[in-house]
């Protein structure tokens, strides 16, 4: 029997979470190092998964299948395609940086209510989320996927509600209420989506008789499983609704600004760069593969919602006074681009959408983590409380600028390639939609450059005059992310070669071919 590599990759952070939580309360530093060790070990396994995966091989590789709940046709089935491998690698890469960035975020803090923050619990919860996200990218049994799709809400709830940034230290009762509200809103929105998905999962089982993604997809492809049109559409809507909440897609997005605003910067990165990717990934893996006809039927409405997300999110980002909420609304706009690429139903659009998931994770992590370092120094999230930071802390300002430029998809940085592919793929089939979506790029330049101008340039405010520059630990977090943004901006081929075969399979699932160009290239 071969080594269960996929199980090990998901199980290792789960074991790390248990081990970290078990460290005695007086050994907080040991708990941090233990969590970092397990996150790095998981990264090593993720690299092994990527190396062993053959883009030209079978669609799902490194598969594992074992009996689980036989009476109900539930199996423990894992397998990865190129998209899953890319997102597992992204998750495993970001978690060590999240842990390093949050090194002191859960240190004991005696507040007016004399409560202490459980340091071990903070890092254990991060590892628990990592384990659940990874197995969500691996699961090919729909019921298994659903369990972890929902289970990750619990540790995220405690991370949002139990740990706030130091900017709130002076107003504990109000900050605690705001965090509780954000955590409950996050949980309720996602639970409602999950319950609707559960009804669709049960409905799919009634129709198909099992939960195996591969078996159901093969039965759909060869005609042995014929769903009634209305049944397929209802099941599609049940799945899509849950994924749209997680993504998040307008108008189901309103939990995200609250959650990212009240969480610590590393937890905000965990939300939007890691957890939310499960929603867009699942649209590709489950919606398009299981319900191809319904996916095509819903495409016009979804494209409209994606366009609204792009423009609406960017417009609200322009008007924000809070740094973290600005990044949250910018992410809503970016997720609109990802969903636009998925449902453009072209190979360029879907390749760009998958690449966008990876690049958005890197760019948002870079920008939000530097913003977190900035906020921790000043003790405020308000843009108006800053000015002239580049004179007091030039390295911090420089890394903030690069993260911002990546967010606006500047050519030469990684997000540009993915955004370009999404727009090209969209324009090829839906020219009007592609044209409207480009306004999101203009707005992105506006909110990013205005943010930098107001915080980093101009007269040096007295409160920031003595602001220290980035420390070694903080540079160790930001520098690799910036390096990856530059490398993938210049040479995205390693990721595109990994995901393109999976995209071809998805295009085959929905029986779509790329539109032929109106003007043939000269031979």
Protein backbone atom coordinates (compact mmCIF):
# COMPACT_ATOMS: atom_id res chain seq x y z
CA UNK A 1 0.00 0.00 0.00
CA UNK A 2 1.45 3.38 -0.98
CA UNK A 3 2.03 6.12 1.58
CA UNK A 4 -1.18 8.19 2.05
CA UNK A 5 0.44 11.49 1.14
CA UNK A 6 -2.76 13.52 0.89
CA UNK A 7 -4.00 12.29 4.26
CA UNK A 8 -0.63 13.10 5.82
CA UNK A 9 -0.65 16.62 4.36
CA UNK A 10 -4.01 17.36 5.97
CA UNK A 11 -3.40 15.39 9.16
CA UNK A 12 -0.06 16.98 10.04
CA UNK A 13 -1.45 20.46 10.87
CA UNK A 14 -4.32 18.78 12.74
CA UNK A 15 -1.79 16.93 14.90
CA UNK A 16 0.10 20.21 15.27
CA UNK A 17 -3.07 21.93 16.48
CA UNK A 18 -3.58 19.30 19.18
CA UNK A 19 0.08 19.38 20.23
CA UNK A 20 0.13 23.19 20.35
CA UNK A 21 -3.05 23.38 22.39
CA UNK A 22 -1.58 20.86 24.87
CA UNK A 23 1.50 22.98 25.65
CA UNK A 24 1.34 24.27 29.25
CA UNK A 25 0.12 27.85 29.62
CA UNK A 26 3.48 29.01 30.96
CA UNK A 27 5.29 27.80 27.81
CA UNK A 28 3.80 30.27 25.35
CA UNK A 29 6.98 30.70 23.33
CA UNK A 30 7.34 26.94 22.99
CA UNK A 31 3.77 26.79 21.65
CA UNK A 32 4.61 29.37 18.99
CA UNK A 33 7.71 27.51 17.82
CA UNK A 34 5.83 24.22 17.82
CA UNK A 35 3.06 25.71 15.64
CA UNK A 36 5.67 27.16 13.28
CA UNK A 37 7.43 23.79 13.06
CA UNK A 38 4.23 21.95 12.11
CA UNK A 39 3.33 24.62 9.53
CA UNK A 40 6.77 24.29 7.90
CA UNK A 41 6.55 20.50 7.96
CA UNK A 42 3.15 20.77 6.23
CA UNK A 43 4.74 23.04 3.62
CA UNK A 44 7.35 20.35 2.95
CA UNK A 45 4.60 17.76 2.36
CA UNK A 46 2.73 20.20 0.10
CA UNK A 47 5.90 20.59 -1.97
CA UNK A 48 6.17 16.80 -2.20
CA UNK A 49 2.55 16.67 -3.43
CA UNK A 50 3.34 19.28 -6.09
CA UNK A 51 6.49 17.43 -7.20
CA UNK A 52 4.75 14.06 -7.42
CA UNK A 53 1.80 15.46 -9.33
CA UNK A 54 2.04 14.97 -13.10
CA UNK A 55 0.11 17.70 -14.98
CA UNK A 56 -0.07 15.42 -18.04
CA UNK A 57 -1.30 12.43 -16.07
CA UNK A 58 -4.74 11.42 -14.81
CA UNK A 59 -7.16 14.13 -13.81
CA UNK A 60 -7.13 13.10 -10.14
CA UNK A 61 -3.88 11.78 -8.74
CA UNK A 62 -2.44 10.54 -5.43
CA UNK A 63 -5.91 9.16 -4.82
CA UNK A 64 -7.01 7.44 -1.63
CA UNK A 65 -10.25 5.55 -1.11
CA UNK A 66 -11.49 3.73 1.97
CA UNK A 67 -14.87 2.64 3.25
CA UNK A 68 -16.32 5.00 5.82
CA UNK A 69 -20.13 5.03 6.26
CA UNK A 70 -20.97 2.19 3.92
CA UNK A 71 -24.71 2.13 4.63
CA UNK A 72 -25.04 5.62 3.14
CA UNK A 73 -22.48 5.31 0.37
CA UNK A 74 -20.03 7.67 2.08
CA UNK A 75 -16.35 6.96 1.46
CA UNK A 76 -13.12 8.56 2.56
CA UNK A 77 -11.98 9.57 -0.93
CA UNK A 78 -9.18 12.00 -1.69
CA UNK A 79 -7.57 13.10 -4.94
CA UNK A 80 -6.04 16.24 -6.39
CA UNK A 81 -6.02 17.89 -9.78
CA UNK A 82 -3.72 20.75 -10.77
CA UNK A 83 -6.02 23.39 -9.29
CA UNK A 84 -6.15 21.58 -5.96
CA UNK A 85 -2.36 21.18 -5.89
CA UNK A 86 -1.86 24.91 -6.53
CA UNK A 87 -4.23 25.90 -3.73
CA UNK A 88 -2.81 23.38 -1.28
CA UNK A 89 0.63 24.85 -1.98
CA UNK A 90 -0.73 28.38 -1.47
CA UNK A 91 -2.32 27.42 1.85
CA UNK A 92 0.76 25.63 3.15
CA UNK A 93 2.97 28.54 2.06
CA UNK A 94 0.91 31.26 3.73
CA UNK A 95 0.34 29.61 7.12
CA UNK A 96 3.98 29.94 8.33
CA UNK A 97 3.90 33.64 7.38
CA UNK A 98 0.57 34.06 9.18
CA UNK A 99 2.03 32.46 12.31
CA UNK A 100 5.18 34.61 12.17
CA UNK A 101 3.17 37.78 11.56
CA UNK A 102 0.90 36.98 14.50
CA UNK A 103 3.78 36.04 16.80
CA UNK A 104 2.73 38.55 19.48
CA UNK A 105 -0.93 38.97 18.58
CA UNK A 106 -2.11 36.51 21.23
CA UNK A 107 0.35 37.36 23.98
CA UNK A 108 -1.36 37.81 27.38
CA UNK A 109 -3.18 41.11 27.49
CA UNK A 110 -4.89 42.17 30.71
CA UNK A 111 -7.85 44.31 29.80
CA UNK A 112 -10.42 46.21 31.83
CA UNK A 113 -12.37 43.02 32.23
CA UNK A 114 -9.19 41.19 33.38
CA UNK A 115 -9.35 38.61 30.62
CA UNK A 116 -6.27 36.93 29.24
CA UNK A 117 -5.82 35.77 25.69
CA UNK A 118 -4.96 32.06 25.31
CA UNK A 119 -1.76 32.13 23.25
CA UNK A 120 -1.69 28.39 22.60
CA UNK A 121 -5.30 28.41 21.47
CA UNK A 122 -4.65 31.11 18.87
CA UNK A 123 -1.96 29.15 17.06
CA UNK A 124 -3.76 25.83 17.49
CA UNK A 125 -6.85 27.29 15.83
CA UNK A 126 -4.80 28.53 12.87
CA UNK A 127 -3.37 25.03 12.34
CA UNK A 128 -6.85 23.51 12.67
CA UNK A 129 -8.14 25.80 9.93
CA UNK A 130 -5.18 24.84 7.74
CA UNK A 131 -5.95 21.13 8.14
CA UNK A 132 -9.61 21.60 7.21
CA UNK A 133 -8.88 23.81 4.22
CA UNK A 134 -6.32 21.36 2.83
CA UNK A 135 -8.63 18.36 3.11
CA UNK A 136 -11.37 20.44 1.43
CA UNK A 137 -9.06 20.85 -1.56
CA UNK A 138 -8.40 17.10 -1.55
CA UNK A 139 -11.85 15.59 -0.93
CA UNK A 140 -13.53 13.86 -3.87
CA UNK A 141 -16.37 12.49 -1.76
CA UNK A 142 -19.01 15.22 -1.63
CA UNK A 143 -20.15 14.40 1.91
CA UNK A 144 -16.55 14.41 3.16
CA UNK A 145 -16.02 17.80 1.52
CA UNK A 146 -19.20 19.15 3.11
CA UNK A 147 -18.13 18.11 6.62
CA UNK A 148 -14.89 20.08 6.48
CA UNK A 149 -16.43 22.92 4.46
CA UNK A 150 -18.66 23.51 7.48
CA UNK A 151 -16.30 22.44 10.26
CA UNK A 152 -13.75 25.16 9.45
CA UNK A 153 -16.33 27.74 10.53
CA UNK A 154 -15.87 26.81 14.20
CA UNK A 155 -12.16 27.65 14.61
CA UNK A 156 -12.63 30.71 12.40
CA UNK A 157 -15.46 31.89 14.67
CA UNK A 158 -13.17 31.76 17.70
CA UNK A 159 -10.28 33.41 15.85
CA UNK A 160 -12.47 36.34 14.81
CA UNK A 161 -14.42 36.71 18.07
CA UNK A 162 -11.69 35.85 20.55
CA UNK A 163 -8.70 37.76 19.22
CA UNK A 164 -8.73 41.41 18.17
CA UNK A 165 -5.92 43.70 17.06
CA UNK A 166 -4.04 45.90 19.50
CA UNK A 167 -5.72 49.00 18.04
CA UNK A 168 -8.71 48.11 20.23
CA UNK A 169 -6.77 47.70 23.46
CA UNK A 170 -7.97 51.02 24.87
CA UNK A 171 -11.71 50.34 24.48
CA UNK A 172 -12.14 46.75 25.53
CA UNK A 173 -15.90 46.51 26.00
CA UNK A 174 -16.77 48.21 22.69
CA UNK A 175 -14.08 46.25 20.82
CA UNK A 176 -15.29 42.98 22.32
CA UNK A 177 -18.86 43.73 21.22
CA UNK A 178 -17.69 44.57 17.70
CA UNK A 179 -15.65 41.37 17.47
CA UNK A 180 -18.55 39.29 18.74
CA UNK A 181 -20.88 40.86 16.19
CA UNK A 182 -18.41 40.20 13.36
CA UNK A 183 -17.85 36.60 14.46
CA UNK A 184 -21.57 35.84 14.80
CA UNK A 185 -22.32 37.45 11.43
CA UNK A 186 -19.58 35.38 9.80
CA UNK A 187 -20.91 32.20 11.37
CA UNK A 188 -24.59 32.83 10.58
CA UNK A 189 -24.03 33.75 6.94
CA UNK A 190 -21.88 30.71 6.31
CA UNK A 191 -24.11 28.37 8.32
CA UNK A 192 -27.15 29.38 6.30
CA UNK A 193 -25.20 28.74 3.10
CA UNK A 194 -24.04 25.41 4.47
CA UNK A 195 -27.54 24.30 5.45
CA UNK A 196 -28.84 25.06 1.97
CA UNK A 197 -25.91 23.11 0.54
CA UNK A 198 -26.70 20.20 2.87
CA UNK A 199 -30.19 20.00 1.39
CA UNK A 200 -28.63 19.94 -2.09
CA UNK A 201 -26.11 17.26 -1.04
CA UNK A 202 -28.95 15.06 0.21
CA UNK A 203 -30.90 15.72 -2.97
CA UNK A 204 -27.90 14.73 -5.07
CA UNK A 205 -27.57 11.49 -3.11
CA UNK A 206 -31.23 10.69 -3.71
CA UNK A 207 -30.72 11.20 -7.44
CA UNK A 208 -27.27 9.60 -7.83
CA UNK A 209 -27.22 7.01 -5.04
CA UNK A 210 -23.71 7.90 -3.84
CA UNK A 211 -21.48 10.83 -2.90
CA UNK A 212 -18.48 10.10 -5.15
CA UNK A 213 -17.63 13.11 -7.29
CA UNK A 214 -15.84 11.02 -9.88
CA UNK A 215 -18.57 8.38 -10.16
CA UNK A 216 -21.35 10.96 -10.48
CA UNK A 217 -19.39 13.03 -13.01
CA UNK A 218 -18.64 9.93 -15.10
CA UNK A 219 -22.28 8.87 -14.96
CA UNK A 220 -23.32 12.34 -16.12
CA UNK A 221 -20.78 12.24 -18.95
CA UNK A 222 -21.77 8.81 -20.32
CA UNK A 223 -25.49 9.41 -19.95
CA UNK A 224 -26.20 6.71 -17.35
CA UNK A 225 -27.32 9.41 -14.85
CA UNK A 226 -29.89 11.71 -16.38
CA UNK A 227 -31.16 14.49 -14.12
CA UNK A 228 -34.36 16.35 -14.84
CA UNK A 229 -33.64 19.93 -15.85
CA UNK A 230 -35.39 21.51 -12.86
CA UNK A 231 -33.73 19.07 -10.46
CA UNK A 232 -30.27 19.88 -11.78
CA UNK A 233 -30.90 23.60 -11.54
CA UNK A 234 -32.16 23.40 -7.97
CA UNK A 235 -29.19 21.28 -6.90
CA UNK A 236 -26.80 23.67 -8.64
CA UNK A 237 -28.33 26.65 -6.84
CA UNK A 238 -27.99 24.89 -3.48
CA UNK A 239 -24.29 24.27 -4.03
CA UNK A 240 -23.60 27.63 -5.64
CA UNK A 241 -25.31 29.62 -2.87
CA UNK A 242 -23.02 28.14 -0.22
CA UNK A 243 -19.93 28.75 -2.34
CA UNK A 244 -21.02 32.31 -3.16
CA UNK A 245 -21.33 33.09 0.56
CA UNK A 246 -17.87 31.70 1.22
CA UNK A 247 -16.30 33.40 -1.82
CA UNK A 248 -17.90 36.04 -1.12
CA UNK A 249 -20.07 37.25 -4.00
CA UNK A 250 -22.37 40.26 -3.91
CA UNK A 251 -24.94 40.48 -2.26
CA UNK A 252 -23.78 37.72 0.13
CA UNK A 253 -20.55 39.54 0.97
CA UNK A 254 -21.48 41.75 3.91
CA UNK A 255 -19.90 39.53 6.56
CA UNK A 256 -16.40 39.96 5.10
CA UNK A 257 -15.65 43.65 5.91
CA UNK A 258 -16.79 43.12 9.51
CA UNK A 259 -14.77 39.94 9.93
CA UNK A 260 -11.58 41.32 8.38
CA UNK A 261 -11.94 44.65 10.16
CA UNK A 262 -12.26 43.14 13.63
CA UNK A 263 -9.82 40.23 13.28
CA UNK A 264 -6.09 40.57 13.67
CA UNK A 265 -4.24 41.18 10.40
CA UNK A 266 -2.93 37.56 10.20
CA UNK A 267 -6.44 36.18 10.79
CA UNK A 268 -7.79 38.59 8.16
CA UNK A 269 -5.27 37.07 5.73
CA UNK A 270 -6.38 33.60 6.79
CA UNK A 271 -9.97 34.54 5.94
CA UNK A 272 -9.55 36.10 2.52
CA UNK A 273 -6.35 34.49 1.21
CA UNK A 274 -7.04 30.93 2.41
CA UNK A 275 -10.57 30.13 3.63
CA UNK A 276 -12.48 32.10 1.00
CA UNK A 277 -10.60 30.28 -1.78
CA UNK A 278 -12.52 27.14 -0.87
CA UNK A 279 -15.65 28.81 -2.26
CA UNK A 280 -14.24 29.67 -5.67
CA UNK A 281 -12.39 26.35 -5.89
CA UNK A 282 -15.62 24.48 -5.20
CA UNK A 283 -17.40 26.34 -7.99
CA UNK A 284 -14.90 24.83 -10.41
CA UNK A 285 -14.76 21.38 -8.88
CA UNK A 286 -18.41 20.77 -7.99
CA UNK A 287 -20.74 23.22 -9.73
CA UNK A 288 -19.28 22.93 -13.21
CA UNK A 289 -18.42 19.24 -13.02
CA UNK A 290 -21.64 17.97 -11.45
CA UNK A 291 -24.14 20.36 -13.02
CA UNK A 292 -22.79 21.42 -16.42
CA UNK A 293 -26.13 22.32 -18.00
CA UNK A 294 -27.31 24.25 -14.94
CA UNK A 295 -23.97 26.08 -14.83
CA UNK A 296 -24.51 27.29 -18.40
CA UNK A 297 -28.11 28.20 -17.58
CA UNK A 298 -27.05 30.34 -14.60
CA UNK A 299 -24.06 31.95 -16.30
CA UNK A 300 -25.76 35.24 -17.39
CA UNK A 301 -27.01 35.96 -13.86
CA UNK A 302 -23.69 35.01 -12.27
CA UNK A 303 -21.76 37.26 -14.66
CA UNK A 304 -23.99 40.17 -13.64
CA UNK A 305 -23.37 39.45 -9.94
CA UNK A 306 -19.62 39.19 -10.58
CA UNK A 307 -19.64 42.55 -12.37
CA UNK A 308 -21.52 44.15 -9.48
CA UNK A 309 -18.97 42.68 -7.05
CA UNK A 310 -16.09 44.11 -9.10
CA UNK A 311 -17.45 47.65 -9.37
CA UNK A 312 -19.28 47.79 -6.03
CA UNK A 313 -16.33 46.45 -4.04
CA UNK A 314 -13.92 48.85 -5.71
CA UNK A 315 -16.20 51.87 -5.21
CA UNK A 316 -16.64 51.13 -1.52
CA UNK A 317 -12.89 50.62 -1.16
CA UNK A 318 -12.35 54.12 -2.56
CA UNK A 319 -14.56 55.61 0.14
CA UNK A 320 -13.16 53.73 3.14
CA UNK A 321 -11.56 55.46 6.11
CA UNK A 322 -10.44 52.18 7.73
CA UNK A 323 -7.34 50.51 6.25
CA UNK A 324 -8.44 46.94 6.90
CA UNK A 325 -11.96 47.46 5.62
CA UNK A 326 -10.49 48.99 2.47
CA UNK A 327 -8.53 45.80 1.84
CA UNK A 328 -11.70 43.79 2.55
CA UNK A 329 -13.74 45.64 -0.07
CA UNK A 330 -10.84 45.39 -2.52
CA UNK A 331 -10.94 41.62 -1.99
CA UNK A 332 -14.66 41.55 -2.79
CA UNK A 333 -13.80 43.24 -6.10
CA UNK A 334 -11.03 40.72 -6.77
CA UNK A 335 -13.29 37.75 -6.03
CA UNK A 336 -15.66 39.22 -8.60
CA UNK A 337 -12.86 38.89 -11.17
CA UNK A 338 -12.23 35.28 -10.12
CA UNK A 339 -15.90 34.29 -10.47
CA UNK A 340 -16.10 36.21 -13.75
CA UNK A 341 -13.22 34.13 -15.11
CA UNK A 342 -14.78 30.86 -13.94
CA UNK A 343 -18.13 31.49 -15.61
CA UNK A 344 -16.77 33.11 -18.76
CA UNK A 345 -16.51 29.46 -19.86
CA UNK A 346 -13.23 29.95 -21.72
CA UNK A 347 -9.89 28.29 -21.06
CA UNK A 348 -8.16 31.68 -20.69
CA UNK A 349 -10.79 32.87 -18.23
CA UNK A 350 -10.68 29.76 -16.06
CA UNK A 351 -6.86 29.58 -16.14
CA UNK A 352 -6.79 33.24 -15.17
CA UNK A 353 -9.32 32.67 -12.39
CA UNK A 354 -7.27 29.83 -10.92
CA UNK A 355 -4.07 31.84 -11.21
CA UNK A 356 -5.94 34.77 -9.65
CA UNK A 357 -6.75 32.65 -6.59
CA UNK A 358 -3.05 32.06 -6.04
CA UNK A 359 -1.91 35.58 -6.85
CA UNK A 360 -4.66 37.25 -4.84
CA UNK A 361 -3.61 35.16 -1.86
CA UNK A 362 -0.02 36.38 -2.18
CA UNK A 363 -0.83 40.05 -2.86
CA UNK A 364 -3.49 40.35 -0.16
CA UNK A 365 -1.22 38.64 2.35
CA UNK A 366 1.61 41.07 1.55
CA UNK A 367 -0.59 44.18 1.77
CA UNK A 368 -2.63 43.16 4.81
CA UNK A 369 0.30 41.91 6.86
CA UNK A 370 2.28 45.11 6.26
CA UNK A 371 -0.88 47.05 7.12
CA UNK A 372 -1.07 45.03 10.33
CA UNK A 373 2.52 45.94 11.21
CA UNK A 374 1.65 49.58 10.54
CA UNK A 375 -1.50 49.47 12.67
CA UNK A 376 0.30 47.77 15.56
CA UNK A 377 2.79 50.66 15.68
CA UNK A 378 0.26 53.49 15.58
CA UNK A 379 -2.62 51.78 17.38
CA UNK A 380 -5.21 52.93 14.85
CA UNK A 381 -6.86 51.57 11.72
CA UNK A 382 -7.99 55.00 10.49
CA UNK A 383 -6.27 56.33 7.38
CA UNK A 384 -6.56 59.91 8.68
CA UNK A 385 -4.29 59.08 11.64
CA UNK A 386 -1.30 58.53 9.35
CA UNK A 387 0.87 60.71 7.17
CA UNK A 388 4.54 60.86 6.20
CA UNK A 389 5.27 57.28 7.25
CA UNK A 390 7.75 56.82 4.38
CA UNK A 391 10.11 59.31 6.05
CA UNK A 392 9.93 57.62 9.44
CA UNK A 393 9.86 53.98 8.23
CA UNK A 394 10.99 53.79 4.58
CA UNK A 395 11.21 49.98 4.37
CA UNK A 396 7.70 49.60 5.78
CA UNK A 397 6.43 52.19 3.29
CA UNK A 398 8.24 50.52 0.40
CA UNK A 399 6.82 47.07 1.10
CA UNK A 400 3.38 48.61 1.59
CA UNK A 401 3.69 50.23 -1.82
CA UNK A 402 4.67 46.97 -3.55
CA UNK A 403 1.78 45.15 -1.90
CA UNK A 404 -0.55 47.92 -3.05
CA UNK A 405 0.79 47.90 -6.61
CA UNK A 406 0.26 44.14 -6.74
CA UNK A 407 -3.32 44.67 -5.56
CA UNK A 408 -3.97 47.04 -8.47
CA UNK A 409 -2.41 44.47 -10.84
CA UNK A 410 0.57 46.48 -12.00
CA UNK A 411 2.33 44.82 -14.98
CA UNK A 412 5.38 42.93 -13.78
CA UNK A 413 3.66 41.74 -10.61
CA UNK A 414 1.81 38.43 -10.36
CA UNK A 415 -1.85 39.57 -10.24
CA UNK A 416 -1.50 41.36 -13.60
CA UNK A 417 -1.12 38.07 -15.49
CA UNK A 418 -4.19 36.52 -13.90
CA UNK A 419 -6.35 39.62 -14.31
CA UNK A 420 -5.28 39.95 -17.94
CA UNK A 421 -6.21 36.31 -18.66
CA UNK A 422 -9.60 36.74 -16.98
CA UNK A 423 -10.37 39.83 -19.06
CA UNK A 424 -9.15 38.25 -22.31
CA UNK A 425 -11.17 35.12 -21.65
CA UNK A 426 -14.26 37.11 -20.75
CA UNK A 427 -13.99 39.46 -23.71
CA UNK A 428 -13.68 36.52 -26.12
CA UNK A 429 -17.20 35.32 -25.26
CA UNK A 430 -18.86 38.34 -23.58
CA UNK A 431 -17.29 41.57 -24.93
CA UNK A 432 -19.65 43.94 -23.10
CA UNK A 433 -19.00 42.21 -19.77
CA UNK A 434 -15.23 42.38 -20.34
CA UNK A 435 -15.39 46.11 -21.11
CA UNK A 436 -17.38 46.91 -17.96
CA UNK A 437 -15.06 44.80 -15.82
CA UNK A 438 -12.03 46.87 -16.89
CA UNK A 439 -13.43 49.81 -14.91
CA UNK A 440 -12.57 47.80 -11.83
CA UNK A 441 -8.89 48.17 -12.76
CA UNK A 442 -9.21 51.97 -12.87
CA UNK A 443 -10.92 52.03 -9.48
CA UNK A 444 -8.27 49.71 -8.05
CA UNK A 445 -5.56 52.18 -9.04
CA UNK A 446 -7.56 54.94 -7.38
CA UNK A 447 -8.12 53.31 -3.98
CA UNK A 448 -4.60 51.89 -3.79
CA UNK A 449 -2.74 55.07 -4.70
CA UNK A 450 -4.97 57.28 -2.56
CA UNK A 451 -4.38 54.94 0.39
CA UNK A 452 -0.62 55.15 -0.10
CA UNK A 453 -0.67 58.91 -0.56
CA UNK A 454 -2.69 59.56 2.59
CA UNK A 455 -0.74 57.23 4.84
CA UNK A 456 2.82 57.31 3.56
CA UNK A 457 3.43 60.71 1.96
CA UNK A 458 2.97 64.34 3.01
CA UNK A 459 3.97 65.99 6.29
CA UNK A 460 5.11 63.65 9.03
CA UNK A 461 2.48 63.53 11.76
CA UNK A 462 3.89 63.75 15.30
CA UNK A 463 2.38 60.37 16.19
CA UNK A 464 4.37 58.60 13.46
CA UNK A 465 7.60 60.60 13.66
CA UNK A 466 9.25 58.00 15.91
CA UNK A 467 7.66 54.96 14.26
CA UNK A 468 10.17 52.09 14.04
CA UNK A 469 10.84 50.41 10.71
CA UNK A 470 10.24 46.74 9.98
CA UNK A 471 12.08 44.31 12.25
CA UNK A 472 13.84 41.12 11.20
CA UNK A 473 10.82 38.89 11.94
CA UNK A 474 8.54 41.20 9.97
CA UNK A 475 10.95 41.33 7.04
CA UNK A 476 11.07 37.53 7.09
CA UNK A 477 7.30 37.58 6.59
CA UNK A 478 7.07 40.22 3.87
CA UNK A 479 10.23 39.73 1.77
CA UNK A 480 9.40 36.20 0.48
CA UNK A 481 5.87 37.27 -0.45
CA UNK A 482 7.16 40.25 -2.43
CA UNK A 483 9.76 38.05 -4.10
CA UNK A 484 7.05 35.59 -5.18
CA UNK A 485 4.88 38.42 -6.51
CA UNK A 486 7.76 39.56 -8.69
CA UNK A 487 8.83 36.07 -9.83
CA UNK A 488 5.29 34.97 -10.74
CA UNK A 489 4.69 38.31 -12.40
CA UNK A 490 7.63 37.74 -14.72
CA UNK A 491 7.43 33.93 -15.01
CA UNK A 492 3.96 32.48 -14.22
CA UNK A 493 4.61 29.32 -16.26
CA UNK A 494 5.06 26.91 -13.30
CA UNK A 495 1.53 27.65 -12.07
CA UNK A 496 -0.15 27.85 -15.49
CA UNK A 497 1.38 24.52 -16.58
CA UNK A 498 0.03 22.99 -13.38
CA UNK A 499 -3.56 24.23 -13.73
CA UNK A 500 -4.14 24.28 -17.51
CA UNK A 501 -4.81 20.51 -17.89
CA UNK A 502 -7.40 20.71 -15.09
CA UNK A 503 -9.02 23.67 -16.84
CA UNK A 504 -9.26 21.64 -20.06
CA UNK A 505 -11.10 18.92 -18.15
CA UNK A 506 -13.51 21.49 -16.73
CA UNK A 507 -14.17 22.94 -20.17
CA UNK A 508 -14.89 19.42 -21.38
CA UNK A 509 -17.32 18.90 -18.47
CA UNK A 510 -19.44 21.85 -19.56
CA UNK A 511 -18.94 20.98 -23.26
CA UNK A 512 -17.59 24.40 -24.11
CA UNK A 513 -14.90 25.34 -26.60
CA UNK A 514 -13.05 28.63 -26.84
CA UNK A 515 -14.58 31.04 -29.38
CA UNK A 516 -12.59 31.29 -32.58
CA UNK A 517 -10.93 34.66 -33.15
CA UNK A 518 -12.70 36.83 -35.70
CA UNK A 519 -9.40 37.48 -37.45
CA UNK A 520 -7.14 34.49 -38.02
CA UNK A 521 -3.45 34.95 -37.28
CA UNK A 522 -1.21 35.20 -40.33
CA UNK A 523 0.67 32.01 -41.15
